[in-house]
Amino acid sequence: MCPAPSITRRCLPWPLRRNGSSRHIPFPATWYERMDVSVFELTDPRWTGFVAGHPGATAFHHPDWARVVADCYRFRAFALATRDTAGVIRAGIPVVEVRHFRGGPKWVSLPYTDYCPPLVSCRQEEDQLASALQRASRAAGVRRVEIRAPLAGSATSGATALRHVIGLDRSLAEVYAGFHRSQVQRNIRRAEREGLTVRRSTRQCDLIDTFYQLHLRTRRRQGVPVQPRRFFRLLWENTIRTGLGSVLIVEAAGRPIAAGVFLAWNGTVTYKFGASEASAWSLRPNHLLFWHAIRTACEQGYRYFDLGRTDAGQEGLRNFKLSWGAAEDPLIYGALGAEAEPAPATGGMAAQMLGPVIRHGPLLLCRAVGQTLYRYAA
């Protein structure tokens, strides 16, 4: 039986920033009086201890990930949680408050994140958390709460997508045997015969220079804006350098031809970003990259390898992930409150219009569009 959360008036009257400005916006006093969800700074030991001890937490729940997102795009990050009568946290989510020029604020758990389920232990805790979020958001003047996972009582939000995860709770040989023989195993051997090598990054420049240049060319080829360079600088400083992830680079005769960014924590390795030179695909660098990452995860005792989000229509990417023996599940997001607003400039019809322009434009255009618009995709 899950204990009921306490009704508390405690919260943190933190300074909020509107649209990246330095002007502090406190929450209305009325919220203090009507709140039955506790608010924690991400560095609060009570929240960090709860997250560290929860078996369902991944690197996306770790405070450092939310801090990277908030610092890069000038949002405010915090945690919302319900507590029992003894004050112990029973359920919660990390949150970023997103404010744009139009409309009111919204709470997102979390922007630019593939999968971030509420940290609960049973359905009763989930129901109580969802009810508390609804009341707290209304009292705070927040028009919408978005969860990057299903949530009890929420409406389905976002486009149809899939998630692929490889179970690592077996021997390395058994994991390898689950790979498709011709599509994966043969391509791994091909990359090894070609003399490709994989190295783990130990320097910031490997991420913000080597990886970023590959990533920039990959994003232009795909016709989508690239994240601001400062995002990867913050990612190195707050996650990679502290051991919350790694950057792997595949080289051919010393020349970088593919790279990937992986987050790793609490039993799960998550593939977050990848990039490669199209001219080197015949050497199969991506197969060697993922094989190295999966083998390392097995050797280090991780239980899951999350291959990340696949959007509807990306059949080539879907088949690639399935060929590694991954389990496939629908990726469903939940939302409380107002209906979804029109698609941002990085999605929907605007993306269809921008795509050809980015693909045929200079690299500088891909960077400029991302620098200007990526924040509005939150």
Protein backbone atom coordinates (compact mmCIF):
# COMPACT_ATOMS: atom_id res chain seq x y z
CA MET A 1 0.00 0.00 0.00
CA CYS A 2 1.43 3.36 -0.99
CA PRO A 3 1.23 6.01 1.74
CA ALA A 4 -0.70 9.16 0.91
CA PRO A 5 1.28 12.34 0.28
CA SER A 6 1.21 15.13 2.77
CA ILE A 7 -0.49 18.44 2.16
CA THR A 8 2.22 21.00 2.56
CA ARG A 9 2.66 24.73 2.12
CA ARG A 10 6.39 24.51 1.83
CA CYS A 11 7.93 25.67 -1.42
CA LEU A 12 10.94 27.56 -2.59
CA PRO A 13 10.30 31.21 -3.53
CA TRP A 14 13.02 31.08 -6.16
CA PRO A 15 13.70 33.79 -8.72
CA LEU A 16 12.37 32.89 -12.14
CA ARG A 17 13.63 34.46 -15.32
CA ARG A 18 11.31 35.49 -18.09
CA ASN A 19 12.52 34.94 -21.65
CA GLY A 20 16.14 34.71 -20.56
CA SER A 21 16.22 38.14 -18.95
CA SER A 22 17.74 38.79 -15.56
CA ARG A 23 14.49 40.17 -14.11
CA HIS A 24 13.28 37.91 -11.28
CA ILE A 25 9.67 36.75 -11.38
CA PRO A 26 8.49 35.15 -8.09
CA PHE A 27 5.54 32.79 -7.96
CA PRO A 28 2.23 34.33 -6.84
CA ALA A 29 1.66 34.13 -3.09
CA THR A 30 -1.63 32.30 -3.66
CA TRP A 31 0.25 29.24 -4.88
CA TYR A 32 1.99 28.91 -1.54
CA GLU A 33 -1.38 28.46 0.13
CA ARG A 34 -2.93 25.99 -2.27
CA MET A 35 -0.02 23.71 -3.05
CA ASP A 36 0.03 19.99 -2.22
CA VAL A 37 3.20 19.29 -4.17
CA SER A 38 6.62 20.18 -2.80
CA VAL A 39 9.11 22.15 -4.88
CA PHE A 40 12.80 21.32 -4.65
CA GLU A 41 15.86 22.87 -6.17
CA LEU A 42 17.67 20.21 -8.19
CA THR A 43 20.62 20.35 -5.81
CA ASP A 44 18.48 19.73 -2.72
CA PRO A 45 19.87 16.59 -1.00
CA ARG A 46 16.34 15.29 -0.45
CA TRP A 47 15.65 15.30 -4.20
CA THR A 48 19.07 14.05 -5.27
CA GLY A 49 18.84 11.23 -2.71
CA PHE A 50 15.38 10.24 -3.93
CA VAL A 51 16.49 10.16 -7.58
CA ALA A 52 19.68 8.23 -6.81
CA GLY A 53 17.71 5.59 -4.91
CA HIS A 54 14.90 5.12 -7.44
CA PRO A 55 15.33 2.05 -9.69
CA GLY A 56 13.47 3.71 -12.58
CA ALA A 57 15.70 6.78 -12.77
CA THR A 58 17.94 7.28 -15.80
CA ALA A 59 20.48 9.92 -16.75
CA PHE A 60 17.59 12.12 -17.89
CA HIS A 61 16.36 12.25 -14.28
CA HIS A 62 19.79 13.19 -12.99
CA PRO A 63 19.86 16.87 -11.95
CA ASP A 64 22.83 17.55 -14.22
CA TRP A 65 20.85 16.84 -17.41
CA ALA A 66 18.06 19.29 -16.53
CA ARG A 67 20.67 21.83 -15.55
CA VAL A 68 22.32 21.58 -18.99
CA VAL A 69 18.99 22.21 -20.72
CA ALA A 70 17.99 25.07 -18.42
CA ASP A 71 21.36 26.83 -18.53
CA CYS A 72 21.68 26.58 -22.31
CA TYR A 73 18.23 27.91 -23.16
CA ARG A 74 17.84 30.20 -20.13
CA PHE A 75 14.96 28.33 -18.53
CA ARG A 76 14.39 27.46 -14.88
CA ALA A 77 14.79 23.85 -13.70
CA PHE A 78 13.42 22.38 -10.47
CA ALA A 79 11.69 19.26 -9.13
CA LEU A 80 8.07 18.69 -8.12
CA ALA A 81 7.31 15.89 -5.66
CA THR A 82 4.70 14.48 -3.30
CA ARG A 83 5.72 13.44 0.22
CA ASP A 84 4.32 11.21 2.92
CA THR A 85 3.34 12.31 6.43
CA ALA A 86 6.96 11.93 7.56
CA GLY A 87 8.16 14.31 4.86
CA VAL A 88 9.79 11.58 2.75
CA ILE A 89 9.49 11.99 -1.02
CA ARG A 90 7.26 9.31 -2.52
CA ALA A 91 6.99 10.42 -6.16
CA GLY A 92 8.26 13.23 -8.35
CA ILE A 93 9.48 14.61 -11.65
CA PRO A 94 12.24 17.00 -12.77
CA VAL A 95 10.74 20.03 -14.51
CA VAL A 96 11.84 22.90 -16.71
CA GLU A 97 9.57 25.93 -16.86
CA VAL A 98 9.40 27.07 -20.47
CA ARG A 99 8.54 30.69 -21.22
CA HIS A 100 8.27 32.12 -24.71
CA PHE A 101 7.05 35.44 -26.03
CA ARG A 102 3.52 34.18 -26.69
CA GLY A 103 1.23 32.40 -24.29
CA GLY A 104 1.74 31.61 -20.64
CA PRO A 105 4.44 29.39 -19.14
CA LYS A 106 4.37 25.61 -19.29
CA TRP A 107 6.13 22.91 -17.28
CA VAL A 108 7.96 20.27 -19.28
CA SER A 109 9.56 17.10 -17.93
CA LEU A 110 11.84 17.45 -19.80
CA PRO A 111 12.52 19.42 -22.99
CA TYR A 112 14.83 17.84 -25.60
CA THR A 113 14.47 14.53 -23.78
CA ASP A 114 13.36 11.27 -25.38
CA TYR A 115 11.91 9.53 -22.34
CA CYS A 116 11.52 10.74 -18.75
CA PRO A 117 8.78 8.86 -16.84
CA PRO A 118 7.54 10.05 -13.45
CA LEU A 119 9.46 8.45 -10.59
CA VAL A 120 6.77 6.46 -8.79
CA SER A 121 6.54 3.05 -7.15
CA CYS A 122 2.89 2.19 -7.80
CA ARG A 123 -0.24 3.40 -9.59
CA GLN A 124 -1.60 5.09 -6.47
CA GLU A 125 1.49 7.29 -6.22
CA GLU A 126 1.17 8.13 -9.91
CA ASP A 127 -2.48 9.12 -9.51
CA GLN A 128 -1.63 11.32 -6.52
CA LEU A 129 1.26 12.95 -8.35
CA ALA A 130 -0.87 13.69 -11.42
CA SER A 131 -3.62 15.26 -9.30
CA ALA A 132 -1.09 17.34 -7.39
CA LEU A 133 0.50 18.54 -10.65
CA GLN A 134 -2.88 19.63 -12.00
CA ARG A 135 -3.71 21.66 -8.90
CA ALA A 136 -0.23 23.15 -8.57
CA SER A 137 -0.03 24.19 -12.22
CA ARG A 138 -3.41 25.90 -12.09
CA ALA A 139 -2.47 27.73 -8.90
CA ALA A 140 0.86 28.84 -10.43
CA GLY A 141 -0.75 30.12 -13.63
CA VAL A 142 0.90 27.42 -15.74
CA ARG A 143 -1.21 26.60 -18.79
CA ARG A 144 0.15 23.14 -19.56
CA VAL A 145 2.24 20.32 -18.07
CA GLU A 146 4.02 18.01 -20.50
CA ILE A 147 5.54 14.68 -19.48
CA ARG A 148 7.89 12.76 -21.78
CA ALA A 149 6.13 9.52 -20.84
CA PRO A 150 2.59 8.38 -20.08
CA LEU A 151 0.99 9.82 -16.94
CA ALA A 152 -2.21 8.73 -15.23
CA GLY A 153 -5.14 10.92 -16.21
CA SER A 154 -3.23 12.82 -18.90
CA ALA A 155 -4.03 13.32 -22.55
CA THR A 156 -1.73 11.89 -25.20
CA SER A 157 0.65 14.52 -26.52
CA GLY A 158 3.06 14.72 -29.44
CA ALA A 159 3.62 12.80 -32.66
CA THR A 160 3.69 9.01 -32.89
CA ALA A 161 7.12 7.61 -32.04
CA LEU A 162 8.87 4.44 -30.91
CA ARG A 163 11.50 3.53 -28.33
CA HIS A 164 14.01 0.70 -28.70
CA VAL A 165 15.88 -0.87 -25.77
CA ILE A 166 18.37 -3.75 -25.68
CA GLY A 167 18.35 -5.85 -22.51
CA LEU A 168 21.86 -6.53 -21.19
CA ASP A 169 20.93 -8.94 -18.39
CA ARG A 170 22.82 -11.81 -20.06
CA SER A 171 26.33 -12.61 -21.23
CA LEU A 172 28.07 -10.52 -23.88
CA ALA A 173 28.07 -13.54 -26.20
CA GLU A 174 24.29 -13.84 -25.85
CA VAL A 175 23.82 -10.13 -26.54
CA TYR A 176 25.99 -10.42 -29.65
CA ALA A 177 24.07 -13.50 -30.81
CA GLY A 178 20.91 -11.36 -30.76
CA PHE A 179 22.30 -9.10 -33.50
CA HIS A 180 21.13 -9.71 -37.05
CA ARG A 181 23.82 -11.79 -38.73
CA SER A 182 24.04 -10.03 -42.07
CA GLN A 183 22.92 -6.54 -41.11
CA VAL A 184 24.94 -6.16 -37.89
CA GLN A 185 27.44 -8.93 -37.20
CA ARG A 186 28.83 -8.91 -40.74
CA ASN A 187 29.06 -5.10 -40.76
CA ILE A 188 30.94 -5.09 -37.44
CA ARG A 189 33.48 -7.49 -38.93
CA ARG A 190 33.68 -5.33 -42.06
CA ALA A 191 34.52 -2.23 -40.00
CA GLU A 192 37.18 -4.16 -38.10
CA ARG A 193 38.73 -5.46 -41.34
CA GLU A 194 38.85 -1.89 -42.67
CA GLY A 195 41.01 -0.97 -39.69
CA LEU A 196 38.56 1.46 -38.10
CA THR A 197 39.25 2.30 -34.46
CA VAL A 198 37.10 3.68 -31.64
CA ARG A 199 38.42 5.96 -28.96
CA ARG A 200 36.75 7.43 -25.91
CA SER A 201 37.04 11.19 -25.63
CA THR A 202 39.11 12.63 -22.81
CA ARG A 203 39.15 16.27 -23.94
CA GLN A 204 36.44 18.89 -24.28
CA CYS A 205 37.55 19.71 -27.81
CA ASP A 206 36.55 16.20 -28.90
CA LEU A 207 32.93 17.13 -28.20
CA ILE A 208 32.71 20.82 -29.04
CA ASP A 209 35.00 20.63 -32.08
CA THR A 210 35.39 17.11 -33.50
CA PHE A 211 31.91 15.81 -32.71
CA TYR A 212 30.23 19.15 -33.33
CA GLN A 213 31.62 19.46 -36.86
CA LEU A 214 30.41 15.94 -37.72
CA HIS A 215 27.07 16.71 -36.08
CA LEU A 216 26.70 19.99 -37.95
CA ARG A 217 27.24 18.31 -41.32
CA THR A 218 24.88 15.50 -40.37
CA ARG A 219 22.11 17.90 -39.32
CA ARG A 220 22.47 19.88 -42.54
CA ARG A 221 22.21 16.66 -44.53
CA GLN A 222 19.00 15.86 -42.63
CA GLY A 223 17.66 19.38 -43.18
CA VAL A 224 17.23 20.22 -39.49
CA PRO A 225 18.81 22.96 -37.32
CA VAL A 226 21.74 22.06 -35.12
CA GLN A 227 21.80 22.74 -31.38
CA PRO A 228 23.77 25.80 -30.25
CA ARG A 229 27.42 25.03 -29.69
CA ARG A 230 27.14 26.20 -26.08
CA PHE A 231 24.81 23.24 -25.44
CA PHE A 232 27.65 20.81 -26.07
CA ARG A 233 30.04 22.89 -23.99
CA LEU A 234 27.60 22.67 -21.07
CA LEU A 235 27.03 18.99 -21.79
CA TRP A 236 30.75 18.32 -21.41
CA GLU A 237 31.13 20.39 -18.26
CA ASN A 238 28.05 19.01 -16.48
CA THR A 239 27.73 15.41 -17.66
CA ILE A 240 30.62 13.99 -19.66
CA ARG A 241 33.39 15.41 -17.48
CA THR A 242 31.61 14.26 -14.31
CA GLY A 243 31.17 10.68 -15.54
CA LEU A 244 27.49 10.83 -16.49
CA GLY A 245 28.24 9.90 -20.07
CA SER A 246 30.84 9.49 -22.77
CA VAL A 247 31.77 10.55 -26.27
CA LEU A 248 33.01 7.87 -28.67
CA ILE A 249 34.77 8.74 -31.92
CA VAL A 250 35.36 6.33 -34.82
CA GLU A 251 38.45 7.04 -36.89
CA ALA A 252 39.79 5.79 -40.21
CA ALA A 253 43.55 6.25 -40.39
CA GLY A 254 43.27 8.93 -37.72
CA ARG A 255 40.42 10.82 -39.44
CA PRO A 256 37.12 11.12 -37.50
CA ILE A 257 34.28 9.65 -39.58
CA ALA A 258 31.59 8.96 -36.94
CA ALA A 259 30.87 9.79 -33.32
CA GLY A 260 28.23 9.32 -30.66
CA VAL A 261 27.23 10.84 -27.33
CA PHE A 262 25.96 8.42 -24.70
CA LEU A 263 24.52 9.14 -21.25
CA ALA A 264 24.98 6.45 -18.62
CA TRP A 265 23.64 6.21 -15.09
CA ASN A 266 21.74 3.92 -12.71
CA GLY A 267 21.89 0.82 -14.89
CA THR A 268 20.94 2.37 -18.25
CA VAL A 269 23.09 3.63 -21.11
CA THR A 270 21.21 5.99 -23.43
CA TYR A 271 22.24 6.89 -26.95
CA LYS A 272 21.56 10.62 -27.29
CA PHE A 273 23.41 12.06 -30.30
CA GLY A 274 25.13 10.56 -33.30
CA ALA A 275 26.87 11.86 -36.40
CA SER A 276 28.82 10.43 -39.31
CA GLU A 277 30.32 11.20 -42.69
CA ALA A 278 28.07 9.86 -45.43
CA SER A 279 31.11 9.27 -47.65
CA ALA A 280 32.42 6.73 -45.10
CA TRP A 281 29.24 4.70 -44.61
CA SER A 282 30.58 1.87 -46.77
CA LEU A 283 33.17 1.24 -44.04
CA ARG A 284 30.33 0.67 -41.53
CA PRO A 285 31.59 3.06 -38.81
CA ASN A 286 28.21 3.29 -37.07
CA HIS A 287 28.07 -0.46 -36.53
CA LEU A 288 31.49 -0.40 -34.90
CA LEU A 289 30.46 2.62 -32.80
CA PHE A 290 27.38 0.92 -31.36
CA TRP A 291 29.13 -2.40 -30.88
CA HIS A 292 31.85 -0.69 -28.86
CA ALA A 293 29.25 1.17 -26.75
CA ILE A 294 27.13 -1.95 -26.14
CA ARG A 295 30.16 -4.11 -25.30
CA THR A 296 31.43 -1.50 -22.84
CA ALA A 297 27.98 -1.24 -21.22
CA CYS A 298 27.90 -5.03 -20.76
CA GLU A 299 31.39 -5.10 -19.29
CA GLN A 300 30.50 -2.33 -16.84
CA GLY A 301 27.36 -4.12 -15.62
CA TYR A 302 24.64 -1.93 -17.13
CA ARG A 303 21.21 -3.54 -17.47
CA TYR A 304 19.78 -1.66 -20.46
CA PHE A 305 20.97 0.04 -23.62
CA ASP A 306 18.42 2.59 -24.80
CA LEU A 307 18.69 3.39 -28.51
CA GLY A 308 16.47 6.44 -28.14
CA ARG A 309 13.50 7.86 -30.00
CA THR A 310 12.44 6.94 -33.52
CA ASP A 311 9.78 9.14 -35.12
CA ALA A 312 6.97 7.76 -37.30
CA GLY A 313 8.08 7.29 -40.88
CA GLN A 314 11.75 6.72 -40.05
CA GLU A 315 11.64 3.12 -41.22
CA GLY A 316 15.33 2.95 -42.05
CA LEU A 317 16.29 4.04 -38.52
CA ARG A 318 13.69 1.72 -37.02
CA ASN A 319 15.01 -1.29 -38.92
CA PHE A 320 18.57 -0.39 -37.93
CA LYS A 321 17.63 -0.43 -34.25
CA LEU A 322 15.59 -3.62 -34.53
CA SER A 323 18.54 -5.37 -36.19
CA TRP A 324 20.43 -5.03 -32.89
CA GLY A 325 17.85 -7.21 -31.15
CA ALA A 326 16.13 -4.29 -29.42
CA ALA A 327 12.64 -4.52 -27.95
CA GLU A 328 10.23 -2.00 -29.49
CA ASP A 329 7.60 -0.07 -27.56
CA PRO A 330 5.38 2.92 -28.40
CA LEU A 331 6.79 6.18 -27.08
CA ILE A 332 3.80 8.00 -25.61
CA TYR A 333 3.89 11.42 -23.98
CA GLY A 334 1.31 12.80 -21.57
CA ALA A 335 -0.03 16.32 -21.04
CA LEU A 336 -2.20 18.05 -18.45
CA GLY A 337 -4.00 21.33 -19.00
CA ALA A 338 -4.43 23.35 -22.17
CA GLU A 339 -4.41 21.93 -25.66
CA ALA A 340 -1.07 21.82 -27.43
CA GLU A 341 -0.05 25.04 -29.13
CA PRO A 342 0.84 25.16 -32.85
CA ALA A 343 4.07 23.43 -33.80
CA PRO A 344 7.22 25.51 -33.20
CA ALA A 345 9.47 26.71 -35.97
CA THR A 346 11.54 23.54 -35.70
CA GLY A 347 8.56 21.25 -36.27
CA GLY A 348 5.48 20.79 -38.43
CA MET A 349 4.99 22.79 -41.63
CA ALA A 350 7.76 25.23 -40.72
CA ALA A 351 10.21 22.33 -40.62
CA GLN A 352 9.07 21.14 -44.04
CA MET A 353 9.77 24.59 -45.42
CA LEU A 354 13.10 24.98 -43.64
CA GLY A 355 14.36 21.50 -44.54
CA PRO A 356 15.29 22.10 -48.20
CA VAL A 357 16.75 25.52 -47.34
CA ILE A 358 19.04 24.03 -44.69
CA ARG A 359 20.03 21.03 -46.83
CA HIS A 360 21.12 23.22 -49.72
CA GLY A 361 22.50 26.10 -47.68
CA PRO A 362 25.90 26.66 -46.10
CA LEU A 363 26.80 25.18 -42.72
CA LEU A 364 26.58 28.66 -41.27
CA LEU A 365 22.85 28.74 -42.06
CA CYS A 366 22.23 25.47 -40.20
CA ARG A 367 24.04 26.92 -37.18
CA ALA A 368 22.25 30.28 -37.36
CA VAL A 369 18.79 28.72 -37.57
CA GLY A 370 19.54 26.50 -34.58
CA GLN A 371 20.99 29.38 -32.59
CA THR A 372 17.85 31.43 -33.24
CA LEU A 373 15.04 28.89 -33.15
CA TYR A 374 16.09 25.80 -31.19
CA ARG A 375 14.95 27.31 -27.92
CA TYR A 376 11.38 27.46 -29.20
CA ALA A 377 11.22 23.71 -29.76
CA ALA A 378 11.05 23.16 -25.97
